[in-house]
N, C-alpha and C. Protein backbone atom coordinates (compact mmCIF):
# COMPACT_ATOMS: atom_id res chain seq x y z
N MET A 1 -24.43 31.85 -22.68
CA MET A 1 -24.63 30.45 -22.92
C MET A 1 -24.02 29.61 -21.88
N ALA A 2 -24.69 28.63 -21.43
CA ALA A 2 -24.16 27.76 -20.29
C ALA A 2 -22.99 27.00 -20.74
N LYS A 3 -22.02 26.89 -19.79
CA LYS A 3 -20.82 26.26 -20.04
C LYS A 3 -21.06 24.69 -20.07
N ARG A 4 -20.47 23.99 -21.04
CA ARG A 4 -20.66 22.54 -21.09
C ARG A 4 -19.47 21.92 -20.33
N HIS A 5 -19.82 20.88 -19.67
CA HIS A 5 -18.81 20.17 -18.90
C HIS A 5 -18.66 18.76 -19.38
N ASP A 6 -17.50 18.21 -19.28
CA ASP A 6 -17.19 16.85 -19.71
C ASP A 6 -17.48 15.87 -18.57
N TRP A 7 -18.82 15.63 -18.46
CA TRP A 7 -19.31 14.74 -17.42
C TRP A 7 -18.67 13.35 -17.42
N GLU A 8 -18.41 12.84 -18.53
CA GLU A 8 -17.79 11.48 -18.70
C GLU A 8 -16.35 11.52 -17.98
N LEU A 9 -15.58 12.59 -18.24
CA LEU A 9 -14.29 12.68 -17.63
C LEU A 9 -14.46 12.89 -16.15
N ILE A 10 -15.43 13.70 -15.70
CA ILE A 10 -15.59 13.94 -14.33
C ILE A 10 -15.99 12.64 -13.60
N GLU A 11 -16.92 11.89 -14.30
CA GLU A 11 -17.27 10.58 -13.68
C GLU A 11 -16.07 9.60 -13.58
N ARG A 12 -15.25 9.57 -14.61
CA ARG A 12 -14.08 8.71 -14.57
C ARG A 12 -13.12 9.11 -13.47
N GLU A 13 -12.91 10.38 -13.31
CA GLU A 13 -12.03 10.84 -12.19
C GLU A 13 -12.66 10.63 -10.84
N TYR A 14 -13.92 10.83 -10.75
CA TYR A 14 -14.62 10.60 -9.47
C TYR A 14 -14.52 9.18 -9.13
N ARG A 15 -14.63 8.23 -10.07
CA ARG A 15 -14.71 6.76 -9.77
C ARG A 15 -13.31 6.24 -9.33
N THR A 16 -12.24 6.96 -9.81
CA THR A 16 -10.88 6.55 -9.46
C THR A 16 -10.69 6.64 -7.92
N GLY A 17 -11.39 7.53 -7.31
CA GLY A 17 -11.20 7.83 -5.86
C GLY A 17 -10.05 8.66 -5.54
N ARG A 18 -9.27 9.14 -6.60
CA ARG A 18 -8.07 9.88 -6.39
C ARG A 18 -8.38 11.32 -6.04
N PHE A 19 -9.54 11.83 -6.38
CA PHE A 19 -9.85 13.25 -6.20
C PHE A 19 -11.05 13.42 -5.22
N SER A 20 -10.84 14.44 -4.38
CA SER A 20 -12.10 14.85 -3.55
C SER A 20 -12.97 15.67 -4.39
N LEU A 21 -14.11 15.95 -3.87
CA LEU A 21 -15.06 16.74 -4.58
C LEU A 21 -14.48 18.12 -4.80
N ALA A 22 -13.85 18.69 -3.79
CA ALA A 22 -13.12 20.01 -3.94
C ALA A 22 -12.16 19.99 -5.07
N GLN A 23 -11.36 18.93 -5.22
CA GLN A 23 -10.36 18.89 -6.34
C GLN A 23 -11.06 18.73 -7.64
N LEU A 24 -12.19 17.96 -7.64
CA LEU A 24 -12.91 17.86 -9.02
C LEU A 24 -13.50 19.22 -9.40
N GLU A 25 -13.83 19.96 -8.38
CA GLU A 25 -14.53 21.26 -8.64
C GLU A 25 -13.43 22.23 -9.17
N ALA A 26 -12.26 22.16 -8.61
CA ALA A 26 -11.17 22.98 -9.11
C ALA A 26 -10.62 22.61 -10.47
N ARG A 27 -10.65 21.30 -10.75
CA ARG A 27 -10.19 20.73 -12.07
C ARG A 27 -11.10 21.09 -13.24
N HIS A 28 -12.48 21.05 -12.86
CA HIS A 28 -13.45 21.08 -13.92
C HIS A 28 -14.32 22.34 -13.87
N GLY A 29 -14.24 23.10 -12.89
CA GLY A 29 -15.01 24.33 -12.73
C GLY A 29 -16.58 23.98 -12.50
N VAL A 30 -16.90 22.84 -11.96
CA VAL A 30 -18.21 22.49 -11.65
C VAL A 30 -18.38 22.46 -10.13
N ASN A 31 -19.39 23.08 -9.65
CA ASN A 31 -19.56 23.17 -8.17
C ASN A 31 -19.66 21.73 -7.62
N ARG A 32 -19.02 21.56 -6.49
CA ARG A 32 -18.92 20.20 -5.85
C ARG A 32 -20.28 19.60 -5.53
N SER A 33 -21.26 20.53 -5.21
CA SER A 33 -22.52 20.00 -4.91
C SER A 33 -23.21 19.48 -6.13
N ASN A 34 -22.95 19.97 -7.30
CA ASN A 34 -23.49 19.53 -8.62
C ASN A 34 -22.91 18.14 -8.92
N ILE A 35 -21.59 18.05 -8.60
CA ILE A 35 -20.92 16.81 -8.88
C ILE A 35 -21.53 15.65 -7.97
N SER A 36 -21.69 16.07 -6.70
CA SER A 36 -22.25 15.14 -5.70
C SER A 36 -23.66 14.64 -6.06
N ARG A 37 -24.54 15.68 -6.48
CA ARG A 37 -25.88 15.33 -6.92
C ARG A 37 -25.89 14.32 -8.08
N ARG A 38 -25.07 14.66 -9.08
CA ARG A 38 -24.98 13.89 -10.27
C ARG A 38 -24.51 12.45 -9.97
N ALA A 39 -23.53 12.35 -9.03
CA ALA A 39 -22.98 11.04 -8.67
C ALA A 39 -24.10 10.22 -8.02
N LYS A 40 -24.86 10.88 -7.18
CA LYS A 40 -25.98 10.12 -6.43
C LYS A 40 -27.04 9.74 -7.56
N LYS A 41 -27.44 10.70 -8.37
CA LYS A 41 -28.49 10.43 -9.32
C LYS A 41 -28.13 9.27 -10.33
N TYR A 42 -26.86 9.18 -10.77
CA TYR A 42 -26.52 8.20 -11.69
C TYR A 42 -25.74 7.07 -11.09
N GLY A 43 -25.65 7.05 -9.72
CA GLY A 43 -25.11 5.88 -8.99
C GLY A 43 -23.63 5.70 -9.22
N TRP A 44 -22.83 6.82 -9.39
CA TRP A 44 -21.40 6.64 -9.47
C TRP A 44 -20.87 6.05 -8.20
N GLN A 45 -19.96 5.13 -8.40
CA GLN A 45 -19.33 4.52 -7.16
C GLN A 45 -17.80 4.67 -7.42
N LYS A 46 -17.21 4.97 -6.20
CA LYS A 46 -15.73 4.98 -6.22
C LYS A 46 -15.19 3.58 -6.12
N ASP A 47 -15.60 2.82 -7.10
CA ASP A 47 -15.27 1.40 -7.07
C ASP A 47 -13.98 1.02 -7.61
N LEU A 48 -13.34 2.03 -8.23
CA LEU A 48 -11.98 1.73 -8.86
C LEU A 48 -10.80 2.11 -7.96
N THR A 49 -11.00 2.48 -6.81
CA THR A 49 -10.01 3.01 -5.84
C THR A 49 -9.01 1.83 -5.68
N GLU A 50 -9.51 0.65 -5.32
CA GLU A 50 -8.59 -0.49 -5.06
C GLU A 50 -7.88 -0.89 -6.30
N ARG A 51 -8.53 -0.84 -7.44
CA ARG A 51 -7.84 -1.29 -8.70
C ARG A 51 -6.77 -0.28 -9.03
N VAL A 52 -7.01 1.04 -8.81
CA VAL A 52 -5.97 1.98 -9.06
C VAL A 52 -4.81 1.78 -8.11
N ARG A 53 -5.06 1.58 -6.90
CA ARG A 53 -4.07 1.26 -5.87
C ARG A 53 -3.21 0.11 -6.29
N GLU A 54 -3.79 -1.01 -6.68
CA GLU A 54 -3.10 -2.16 -7.12
C GLU A 54 -2.29 -1.91 -8.38
N ARG A 55 -2.78 -1.18 -9.27
CA ARG A 55 -2.01 -0.96 -10.54
C ARG A 55 -0.84 -0.04 -10.22
N THR A 56 -1.12 0.90 -9.35
CA THR A 56 0.02 1.78 -8.96
C THR A 56 1.18 1.02 -8.24
N GLN A 57 0.84 0.12 -7.43
CA GLN A 57 1.74 -0.72 -6.73
C GLN A 57 2.51 -1.61 -7.84
N GLU A 58 1.77 -2.15 -8.78
CA GLU A 58 2.31 -2.95 -9.81
C GLU A 58 3.39 -2.14 -10.63
N LYS A 59 3.02 -0.86 -10.91
CA LYS A 59 3.96 0.01 -11.62
C LYS A 59 5.22 0.26 -10.84
N ILE A 60 4.98 0.54 -9.56
CA ILE A 60 6.17 0.81 -8.68
C ILE A 60 7.09 -0.37 -8.57
N THR A 61 6.47 -1.58 -8.43
CA THR A 61 7.21 -2.83 -8.37
C THR A 61 8.00 -3.04 -9.60
N ARG A 62 7.35 -2.89 -10.73
CA ARG A 62 7.93 -3.10 -12.00
C ARG A 62 9.16 -2.21 -12.19
N ALA A 63 9.00 -0.98 -11.85
CA ALA A 63 10.15 0.02 -12.01
C ALA A 63 11.33 -0.28 -11.18
N THR A 64 11.13 -1.02 -10.07
CA THR A 64 12.26 -1.39 -9.25
C THR A 64 12.90 -2.69 -9.51
N LEU A 65 12.36 -3.42 -10.50
CA LEU A 65 12.84 -4.74 -10.81
C LEU A 65 14.18 -4.70 -11.66
N THR A 66 14.96 -5.70 -11.50
CA THR A 66 16.14 -5.77 -12.30
C THR A 66 15.71 -6.08 -13.72
N PRO A 67 16.54 -5.90 -14.78
CA PRO A 67 16.19 -6.23 -16.11
C PRO A 67 15.71 -7.70 -16.34
N GLU A 68 16.38 -8.64 -15.59
CA GLU A 68 16.00 -9.96 -15.67
C GLU A 68 14.56 -10.22 -15.15
N ALA A 69 14.38 -9.52 -14.04
CA ALA A 69 13.01 -9.70 -13.38
C ALA A 69 11.97 -9.00 -14.27
N GLN A 70 12.29 -7.91 -14.87
CA GLN A 70 11.30 -7.24 -15.81
C GLN A 70 10.96 -8.12 -17.01
N ALA A 71 12.02 -8.84 -17.46
CA ALA A 71 11.71 -9.83 -18.56
C ALA A 71 10.85 -10.86 -18.12
N ALA A 72 11.07 -11.41 -16.91
CA ALA A 72 10.21 -12.41 -16.39
C ALA A 72 8.78 -11.94 -16.07
N TYR A 73 8.70 -10.65 -15.77
CA TYR A 73 7.44 -10.08 -15.49
C TYR A 73 6.50 -10.16 -16.66
N ASP A 74 7.05 -10.03 -17.91
CA ASP A 74 6.29 -10.03 -19.11
C ASP A 74 5.95 -11.49 -19.49
N GLN A 75 6.56 -12.52 -18.77
CA GLN A 75 6.32 -13.90 -19.17
C GLN A 75 5.22 -14.48 -18.21
N ASP A 76 5.56 -15.65 -17.78
CA ASP A 76 4.61 -16.48 -16.98
C ASP A 76 4.55 -15.96 -15.56
N ASP A 77 3.31 -15.95 -15.05
CA ASP A 77 3.12 -15.56 -13.64
C ASP A 77 3.96 -16.31 -12.72
N GLU A 78 4.19 -17.57 -12.85
CA GLU A 78 5.02 -18.39 -11.96
C GLU A 78 6.48 -17.82 -11.85
N GLN A 79 6.98 -17.45 -13.09
CA GLN A 79 8.38 -16.82 -13.03
C GLN A 79 8.42 -15.51 -12.31
N VAL A 80 7.33 -14.75 -12.52
CA VAL A 80 7.15 -13.44 -11.79
C VAL A 80 7.20 -13.65 -10.27
N VAL A 81 6.35 -14.60 -9.85
CA VAL A 81 6.21 -14.90 -8.46
C VAL A 81 7.52 -15.35 -7.87
N GLU A 82 8.22 -16.25 -8.59
CA GLU A 82 9.52 -16.79 -8.15
C GLU A 82 10.53 -15.72 -8.04
N GLN A 83 10.67 -14.84 -9.02
CA GLN A 83 11.58 -13.77 -8.96
C GLN A 83 11.31 -12.77 -7.82
N ALA A 84 10.08 -12.43 -7.62
CA ALA A 84 9.70 -11.51 -6.59
C ALA A 84 9.97 -12.18 -5.20
N ALA A 85 9.69 -13.50 -5.05
CA ALA A 85 9.82 -14.16 -3.82
C ALA A 85 11.30 -14.26 -3.47
N SER A 86 12.14 -14.52 -4.47
CA SER A 86 13.62 -14.45 -4.27
C SER A 86 14.12 -13.13 -3.82
N GLU A 87 13.62 -12.10 -4.41
CA GLU A 87 14.04 -10.75 -3.94
C GLU A 87 13.53 -10.46 -2.53
N ASN A 88 12.31 -10.78 -2.28
CA ASN A 88 11.70 -10.61 -0.93
C ASN A 88 12.52 -11.41 0.11
N ALA A 89 12.89 -12.58 -0.22
CA ALA A 89 13.60 -13.53 0.75
C ALA A 89 14.96 -12.89 1.05
N ALA A 90 15.62 -12.30 0.10
CA ALA A 90 16.88 -11.67 0.26
C ALA A 90 16.73 -10.45 1.28
N VAL A 91 15.67 -9.70 1.06
CA VAL A 91 15.44 -8.60 1.94
C VAL A 91 15.22 -9.02 3.30
N VAL A 92 14.37 -10.06 3.55
CA VAL A 92 13.99 -10.55 4.87
C VAL A 92 15.29 -11.10 5.54
N LYS A 93 16.09 -11.84 4.77
CA LYS A 93 17.38 -12.35 5.35
C LYS A 93 18.21 -11.18 5.87
N GLY A 94 18.28 -10.06 5.10
CA GLY A 94 19.06 -8.92 5.58
C GLY A 94 18.41 -8.37 6.85
N HIS A 95 17.11 -8.27 6.91
CA HIS A 95 16.42 -7.81 8.15
C HIS A 95 16.71 -8.66 9.33
N ARG A 96 16.76 -9.92 9.11
CA ARG A 96 16.99 -10.83 10.26
C ARG A 96 18.41 -10.74 10.67
N LYS A 97 19.44 -10.52 9.79
CA LYS A 97 20.68 -10.42 10.26
C LYS A 97 20.86 -9.07 11.04
N THR A 98 20.21 -8.03 10.62
CA THR A 98 20.30 -6.78 11.35
C THR A 98 19.60 -6.91 12.78
N LEU A 99 18.48 -7.66 12.81
CA LEU A 99 17.78 -7.92 14.07
C LEU A 99 18.71 -8.65 15.01
N GLU A 100 19.51 -9.66 14.49
CA GLU A 100 20.39 -10.35 15.37
C GLU A 100 21.42 -9.41 15.98
N ARG A 101 21.87 -8.46 15.22
CA ARG A 101 22.85 -7.52 15.70
C ARG A 101 22.21 -6.62 16.80
N TRP A 102 20.94 -6.16 16.58
CA TRP A 102 20.32 -5.33 17.58
C TRP A 102 20.03 -6.15 18.90
N ARG A 103 19.67 -7.40 18.69
CA ARG A 103 19.42 -8.19 19.90
C ARG A 103 20.74 -8.36 20.73
N GLY A 104 21.87 -8.58 20.02
CA GLY A 104 23.13 -8.59 20.63
C GLY A 104 23.50 -7.31 21.40
N ILE A 105 23.19 -6.24 20.77
CA ILE A 105 23.49 -4.97 21.43
C ILE A 105 22.63 -4.82 22.67
N ALA A 106 21.34 -5.17 22.60
CA ALA A 106 20.51 -5.10 23.78
C ALA A 106 20.96 -5.98 24.88
N GLU A 107 21.43 -7.15 24.49
CA GLU A 107 21.89 -8.04 25.52
C GLU A 107 23.19 -7.59 26.15
N ARG A 108 24.10 -7.05 25.41
CA ARG A 108 25.37 -6.46 25.96
C ARG A 108 25.03 -5.26 26.89
N TYR A 109 24.07 -4.48 26.48
CA TYR A 109 23.59 -3.33 27.33
C TYR A 109 23.15 -3.89 28.69
N ALA A 110 22.33 -4.89 28.68
CA ALA A 110 21.77 -5.39 29.90
C ALA A 110 22.84 -5.98 30.72
N GLU A 111 23.86 -6.75 30.13
CA GLU A 111 24.99 -7.25 30.93
C GLU A 111 25.80 -6.17 31.49
N ARG A 112 26.02 -5.05 30.79
CA ARG A 112 26.83 -3.94 31.35
C ARG A 112 26.05 -3.31 32.53
N LEU A 113 24.80 -3.15 32.40
CA LEU A 113 24.07 -2.60 33.49
C LEU A 113 24.16 -3.54 34.74
N GLU A 114 23.94 -4.76 34.43
CA GLU A 114 23.98 -5.78 35.51
C GLU A 114 25.33 -5.75 36.28
N SER A 115 26.43 -5.68 35.52
CA SER A 115 27.81 -5.67 36.15
C SER A 115 27.91 -4.35 37.01
N GLN A 116 27.43 -3.27 36.45
CA GLN A 116 27.46 -2.00 37.19
C GLN A 116 26.66 -2.12 38.42
N LEU A 117 25.49 -2.76 38.43
CA LEU A 117 24.67 -2.88 39.61
C LEU A 117 25.39 -3.75 40.67
N ALA A 118 26.07 -4.81 40.12
CA ALA A 118 26.78 -5.72 41.04
C ALA A 118 27.86 -4.98 41.76
N GLU A 119 28.64 -4.12 41.02
CA GLU A 119 29.70 -3.45 41.63
C GLU A 119 29.20 -2.28 42.53
N GLY A 120 27.96 -1.74 42.22
CA GLY A 120 27.37 -0.61 42.99
C GLY A 120 28.00 0.75 42.60
N LYS A 121 28.85 0.76 41.67
CA LYS A 121 29.50 2.00 41.29
C LYS A 121 29.61 2.15 39.72
N ILE A 122 29.65 3.38 39.36
CA ILE A 122 29.88 3.65 37.90
C ILE A 122 30.97 4.72 37.78
N LYS A 123 31.61 4.74 36.62
CA LYS A 123 32.64 5.77 36.36
C LYS A 123 31.99 6.85 35.64
N VAL A 124 32.29 8.14 36.10
CA VAL A 124 31.76 9.30 35.48
C VAL A 124 32.86 10.33 35.16
N GLU A 125 32.64 10.97 34.07
CA GLU A 125 33.72 11.91 33.74
C GLU A 125 33.30 13.34 34.23
N LEU A 126 34.19 13.91 35.02
CA LEU A 126 34.08 15.19 35.59
C LEU A 126 35.06 16.15 35.01
N PRO A 127 34.93 17.47 35.16
CA PRO A 127 36.02 18.36 34.60
C PRO A 127 37.38 18.07 35.24
N THR A 128 37.34 17.49 36.43
CA THR A 128 38.67 17.21 37.09
C THR A 128 39.22 15.82 36.73
N GLY A 129 38.36 15.07 36.00
CA GLY A 129 38.87 13.71 35.54
C GLY A 129 37.77 12.67 35.76
N VAL A 130 38.13 11.40 35.52
CA VAL A 130 37.26 10.27 35.70
C VAL A 130 37.23 9.85 37.13
N THR A 131 36.06 9.65 37.77
CA THR A 131 35.94 9.20 39.11
C THR A 131 34.76 8.22 39.24
N GLU A 132 34.80 7.33 40.23
CA GLU A 132 33.76 6.36 40.52
C GLU A 132 32.75 7.00 41.53
N ILE A 133 31.47 6.74 41.30
CA ILE A 133 30.44 7.20 42.25
C ILE A 133 29.44 6.04 42.46
N ASP A 134 28.71 6.16 43.58
CA ASP A 134 27.65 5.16 43.74
C ASP A 134 26.65 5.35 42.71
N ILE A 135 25.99 4.21 42.25
CA ILE A 135 25.03 4.30 41.15
C ILE A 135 23.82 5.09 41.65
N PRO A 136 23.41 6.20 41.00
CA PRO A 136 22.21 6.98 41.37
C PRO A 136 20.98 6.17 40.97
N LEU A 137 19.97 6.19 41.71
CA LEU A 137 18.71 5.48 41.42
C LEU A 137 18.09 5.94 40.08
N GLU A 138 18.17 7.22 39.81
CA GLU A 138 17.63 7.80 38.60
C GLU A 138 18.40 7.20 37.40
N TYR A 139 19.67 7.04 37.51
CA TYR A 139 20.43 6.37 36.39
C TYR A 139 19.94 4.98 36.13
N VAL A 140 19.77 4.23 37.16
CA VAL A 140 19.29 2.82 37.05
C VAL A 140 17.94 2.87 36.33
N GLY A 141 17.04 3.74 36.83
CA GLY A 141 15.73 3.73 36.21
C GLY A 141 15.72 4.08 34.75
N LYS A 142 16.55 5.08 34.39
CA LYS A 142 16.67 5.42 32.99
C LYS A 142 17.21 4.29 32.13
N CYS A 143 18.32 3.77 32.69
CA CYS A 143 18.89 2.58 31.94
C CYS A 143 17.95 1.47 31.67
N MET A 144 17.19 1.13 32.73
CA MET A 144 16.20 0.03 32.61
C MET A 144 15.16 0.46 31.61
N GLY A 145 14.68 1.70 31.68
CA GLY A 145 13.69 2.10 30.66
C GLY A 145 14.23 2.06 29.32
N HIS A 146 15.40 2.61 29.03
CA HIS A 146 15.96 2.54 27.66
C HIS A 146 16.23 1.08 27.23
N GLY A 147 16.73 0.35 28.13
CA GLY A 147 17.07 -1.07 27.75
C GLY A 147 15.78 -1.92 27.44
N THR A 148 14.76 -1.78 28.29
CA THR A 148 13.51 -2.52 28.07
C THR A 148 12.83 -1.99 26.79
N GLN A 149 12.88 -0.65 26.58
CA GLN A 149 12.32 -0.09 25.38
C GLN A 149 13.00 -0.66 24.12
N ALA A 150 14.36 -0.73 24.11
CA ALA A 150 15.11 -1.24 22.95
C ALA A 150 14.73 -2.69 22.76
N LEU A 151 14.69 -3.53 23.81
CA LEU A 151 14.33 -4.90 23.73
C LEU A 151 12.92 -5.08 23.24
N ASP A 152 12.01 -4.30 23.69
CA ASP A 152 10.59 -4.39 23.23
C ASP A 152 10.53 -4.17 21.75
N ARG A 153 11.29 -3.15 21.23
CA ARG A 153 11.27 -2.84 19.82
C ARG A 153 11.84 -4.08 19.05
N VAL A 154 13.00 -4.60 19.51
CA VAL A 154 13.66 -5.70 18.87
C VAL A 154 12.63 -6.87 18.74
N ILE A 155 12.02 -7.17 19.86
CA ILE A 155 11.05 -8.27 19.91
C ILE A 155 9.89 -8.13 18.91
N LYS A 156 9.36 -6.88 19.00
CA LYS A 156 8.26 -6.64 17.98
C LYS A 156 8.79 -6.83 16.46
N LEU A 157 9.96 -6.36 16.25
CA LEU A 157 10.52 -6.49 14.90
C LEU A 157 10.68 -8.01 14.67
N GLU A 158 11.26 -8.74 15.46
CA GLU A 158 11.45 -10.16 15.22
C GLU A 158 10.12 -10.80 15.01
N ARG A 159 9.13 -10.64 15.85
CA ARG A 159 7.91 -11.26 15.74
C ARG A 159 7.19 -10.97 14.38
N GLN A 160 7.34 -9.72 14.02
CA GLN A 160 6.75 -9.21 12.74
C GLN A 160 7.49 -9.89 11.61
N ASN A 161 8.85 -9.82 11.67
CA ASN A 161 9.75 -10.44 10.58
C ASN A 161 9.56 -11.92 10.49
N TYR A 162 9.38 -12.60 11.50
CA TYR A 162 9.15 -14.02 11.42
C TYR A 162 7.78 -14.45 11.26
N GLY A 163 6.81 -13.48 11.21
CA GLY A 163 5.46 -13.75 10.92
C GLY A 163 4.70 -14.42 12.12
N LEU A 164 5.15 -14.14 13.31
CA LEU A 164 4.60 -14.71 14.47
C LEU A 164 3.25 -14.06 14.90
N ASP A 165 3.09 -12.86 14.44
CA ASP A 165 1.82 -12.15 14.83
C ASP A 165 1.01 -11.86 13.59
N ALA A 166 1.06 -12.66 12.54
CA ALA A 166 0.30 -12.40 11.26
C ALA A 166 -1.16 -12.33 11.49
N ASN A 167 -1.77 -12.94 12.45
CA ASN A 167 -3.22 -12.88 12.60
C ASN A 167 -3.68 -11.70 13.46
N ASP A 168 -2.67 -10.96 14.02
CA ASP A 168 -3.03 -9.83 14.86
C ASP A 168 -2.96 -8.52 14.15
N LYS A 169 -3.68 -8.42 13.10
CA LYS A 169 -3.71 -7.14 12.32
C LYS A 169 -4.43 -6.03 13.15
N ASP A 170 -3.69 -4.96 13.32
CA ASP A 170 -4.23 -3.85 14.13
C ASP A 170 -3.82 -2.56 13.46
N GLU A 171 -4.88 -1.70 13.16
CA GLU A 171 -4.62 -0.44 12.49
C GLU A 171 -3.50 0.37 13.22
N GLY A 172 -3.48 0.33 14.55
CA GLY A 172 -2.47 1.10 15.27
C GLY A 172 -1.11 0.48 15.29
N VAL A 173 -0.89 -0.65 14.88
CA VAL A 173 0.46 -1.28 14.89
C VAL A 173 1.41 -0.67 13.80
N LYS A 174 2.53 -0.41 14.18
CA LYS A 174 3.42 0.20 13.25
C LYS A 174 3.96 -0.87 12.26
N THR A 175 4.36 -0.42 11.11
CA THR A 175 4.94 -1.39 10.13
C THR A 175 6.41 -1.69 10.49
N PHE A 176 6.90 -2.77 9.83
CA PHE A 176 8.28 -3.13 10.12
C PHE A 176 9.21 -2.04 9.80
N GLU A 177 9.02 -1.26 8.78
CA GLU A 177 9.89 -0.13 8.37
C GLU A 177 9.88 1.01 9.40
N GLU A 178 8.65 1.27 9.99
CA GLU A 178 8.53 2.30 10.94
C GLU A 178 9.25 1.85 12.28
N LEU A 179 9.13 0.59 12.63
CA LEU A 179 9.80 0.11 13.85
C LEU A 179 11.34 0.14 13.61
N MET A 180 11.85 -0.26 12.43
CA MET A 180 13.32 -0.21 12.14
C MET A 180 13.74 1.21 12.25
N ALA A 181 13.00 2.11 11.73
CA ALA A 181 13.47 3.53 11.74
C ALA A 181 13.53 4.01 13.23
N GLU A 182 12.69 3.55 14.13
CA GLU A 182 12.74 3.90 15.53
C GLU A 182 13.97 3.32 16.12
N VAL A 183 14.37 2.10 15.85
CA VAL A 183 15.53 1.42 16.44
C VAL A 183 16.75 2.04 16.03
N ALA A 184 16.90 2.32 14.77
CA ALA A 184 18.19 2.85 14.12
C ALA A 184 18.75 4.06 14.78
N PRO A 185 17.94 5.14 14.95
CA PRO A 185 18.56 6.34 15.55
C PRO A 185 18.56 6.36 17.11
N SER A 186 18.76 5.16 17.69
CA SER A 186 18.64 5.05 19.08
C SER A 186 19.62 6.03 19.82
N ASP A 187 19.19 6.49 21.03
CA ASP A 187 20.08 7.27 21.89
C ASP A 187 21.30 6.45 22.21
N SER A 188 22.36 7.13 22.54
CA SER A 188 23.67 6.48 22.89
C SER A 188 23.44 5.84 24.25
N ALA A 189 23.90 4.65 24.37
CA ALA A 189 23.72 3.83 25.59
C ALA A 189 24.55 4.34 26.77
N ALA A 190 24.02 4.21 27.92
CA ALA A 190 24.81 4.72 29.20
C ALA A 190 26.00 3.83 29.39
N GLU A 191 27.08 4.39 29.87
CA GLU A 191 28.24 3.56 30.07
C GLU A 191 28.29 3.14 31.54
């Protein structure tokens, strides 16, 4: 006797967009080509994907709220928005304070390199002790590369944090968190 399949459940899962045809096949024991044919025949659309994503984000947000914010969440939308905006503002203020520190570090790094170039010498530690040598060109090139790379990252983070590039949405642009992760584990600066 032919095995009966719960096509309503398969359709619901298909429409959520959470499962590939291969996953649906594994979950329900129905060949993926049969699922695909049925989806085309009955016009199944993966139209719930965005709604599932939004609801997931809502659940994640709700789980991270303080008890006061959760109480507000159940009330009026205006209170929810106000609470979320206050929490977001606190996060952004923290980011801006951190960015100020990174900008200061980049500026001190540039000043240090500038003074070394003016003197024409740098101190290096050798097995026999500390000595001064003429600045090698390779050292200057590496310092300039590291310094400009750090400054470029700080500028990108500042522009993103202050919303200066809001209209320049690009799939290849890194998120604020990705850029912060790149800046944080920075190599030690040359002395």
